[in-house]
């Protein structure tokens, strides 16, 4: 099960994910990703403090937003990555592609 919320702080859109981001739940996130790209939202931070599990489909959803926003001059940062999701990011070397931050404040501040 995935719960997510969208908020804004200092001109940065924050997507907070809670639960599991997998093949079943990633489809729930895709319309939000499409809307962000359509609206040309250029600054997005994924708050993954409460994300317990991620699989390749979940990673694909995050990477999709990252690539699409980069093409229009935007950026995506990742904050508060821990546990299994952090290990997946490390194994897939996504820690080299994404800017990872320990806190949401640090990730948001990096967008200025």
Protein backbone atom coordinates (compact mmCIF):
# COMPACT_ATOMS: atom_id res chain seq x y z
CA UNK A 1 0.00 0.00 0.00
CA UNK A 2 1.24 3.47 -0.90
CA UNK A 3 0.17 6.77 0.52
CA UNK A 4 1.58 9.97 -0.87
CA UNK A 5 1.05 13.65 -0.41
CA UNK A 6 2.10 16.69 -2.36
CA UNK A 7 2.97 20.00 -0.76
CA UNK A 8 5.04 23.06 -1.51
CA UNK A 9 7.78 24.76 0.46
CA UNK A 10 9.71 27.80 -0.77
CA UNK A 11 8.79 27.13 -4.40
CA UNK A 12 9.77 23.46 -4.19
CA UNK A 13 7.20 20.70 -4.68
CA UNK A 14 7.56 17.94 -2.10
CA UNK A 15 6.24 14.45 -2.76
CA UNK A 16 6.16 12.50 0.51
CA UNK A 17 5.81 8.75 0.00
CA UNK A 18 4.72 6.32 2.71
CA UNK A 19 4.55 2.53 2.52
CA UNK A 20 5.51 0.48 -0.53
CA UNK A 21 6.36 1.75 -4.01
CA UNK A 22 6.16 -1.32 -6.21
CA UNK A 23 4.65 -2.60 -9.47
CA UNK A 24 1.14 -2.37 -8.04
CA UNK A 25 1.39 1.03 -6.36
CA UNK A 26 3.67 2.84 -8.85
CA UNK A 27 0.71 3.21 -11.23
CA UNK A 28 -1.01 5.33 -8.55
CA UNK A 29 1.90 7.78 -8.63
CA UNK A 30 2.15 8.10 -12.42
CA UNK A 31 -0.75 10.60 -12.89
CA UNK A 32 0.87 12.90 -10.33
CA UNK A 33 4.20 12.63 -12.15
CA UNK A 34 2.48 13.42 -15.45
CA UNK A 35 0.80 16.47 -13.92
CA UNK A 36 4.08 17.79 -12.53
CA UNK A 37 5.74 17.52 -15.94
CA UNK A 38 2.74 19.04 -17.73
CA UNK A 39 2.72 21.97 -15.28
CA UNK A 40 6.49 22.37 -15.80
CA UNK A 41 7.15 21.99 -12.09
CA UNK A 42 10.93 22.36 -12.11
CA UNK A 43 11.86 21.72 -8.47
CA UNK A 44 10.77 18.45 -6.86
CA UNK A 45 11.96 16.71 -3.71
CA UNK A 46 10.95 13.14 -2.91
CA UNK A 47 10.61 12.78 0.87
CA UNK A 48 11.18 9.07 1.41
CA UNK A 49 11.39 9.04 5.22
CA UNK A 50 8.38 6.73 5.49
CA UNK A 51 8.97 4.63 2.36
CA UNK A 52 9.45 1.08 3.61
CA UNK A 53 9.99 -0.79 0.34
CA UNK A 54 10.73 -0.04 -3.29
CA UNK A 55 11.11 -2.33 -6.31
CA UNK A 56 12.19 -1.76 -9.91
CA UNK A 57 8.80 -0.31 -10.88
CA UNK A 58 8.99 2.17 -8.03
CA UNK A 59 12.52 3.13 -8.98
CA UNK A 60 11.29 3.51 -12.57
CA UNK A 61 8.62 6.00 -11.49
CA UNK A 62 11.17 8.17 -9.67
CA UNK A 63 13.69 7.95 -12.50
CA UNK A 64 10.97 8.81 -15.02
CA UNK A 65 10.19 12.07 -13.24
CA UNK A 66 13.91 12.82 -12.89
CA UNK A 67 14.56 12.36 -16.62
CA UNK A 68 11.46 14.20 -17.78
CA UNK A 69 12.12 17.22 -15.55
CA UNK A 70 15.79 17.34 -16.52
CA UNK A 71 14.73 17.58 -20.18
CA UNK A 72 12.84 20.80 -19.42
CA UNK A 73 15.47 22.30 -17.12
CA UNK A 74 14.16 20.96 -13.81
CA UNK A 75 15.64 18.81 -11.08
CA UNK A 76 14.66 16.13 -8.58
CA UNK A 77 16.29 15.57 -5.19
CA UNK A 78 15.76 12.73 -2.71
CA UNK A 79 15.52 13.26 1.04
CA UNK A 80 15.52 10.99 4.09
CA UNK A 81 16.25 7.74 2.28
CA UNK A 82 16.67 4.81 4.68
CA UNK A 83 16.36 1.04 5.04
CA UNK A 84 15.57 -1.14 2.03
CA UNK A 85 14.97 1.81 -0.35
CA UNK A 86 18.40 3.23 0.53
CA UNK A 87 20.00 -0.15 -0.15
CA UNK A 88 18.24 -0.39 -3.54
CA UNK A 89 19.44 3.09 -4.49
CA UNK A 90 22.98 2.08 -3.51
CA UNK A 91 22.85 -1.25 -5.37
CA UNK A 92 21.55 0.41 -8.53
CA UNK A 93 24.09 3.24 -8.10
CA UNK A 94 21.27 5.77 -8.08
CA UNK A 95 23.10 7.47 -5.23
CA UNK A 96 25.42 8.74 -8.00
CA UNK A 97 22.60 9.97 -10.26
CA UNK A 98 20.49 11.66 -7.59
CA UNK A 99 21.44 14.23 -5.01
CA UNK A 100 20.54 12.53 -1.71
CA UNK A 101 19.97 14.50 1.48
CA UNK A 102 19.60 13.42 5.10
CA UNK A 103 16.91 16.02 5.78
CA UNK A 104 14.03 17.55 3.90
CA UNK A 105 15.28 21.02 4.84
CA UNK A 106 18.68 20.36 3.25
CA UNK A 107 17.10 19.01 0.05
CA UNK A 108 14.73 21.98 -0.20
CA UNK A 109 17.53 24.48 0.49
CA UNK A 110 19.66 22.93 -2.28
CA UNK A 111 17.03 23.95 -4.84
CA UNK A 112 17.57 27.68 -4.29
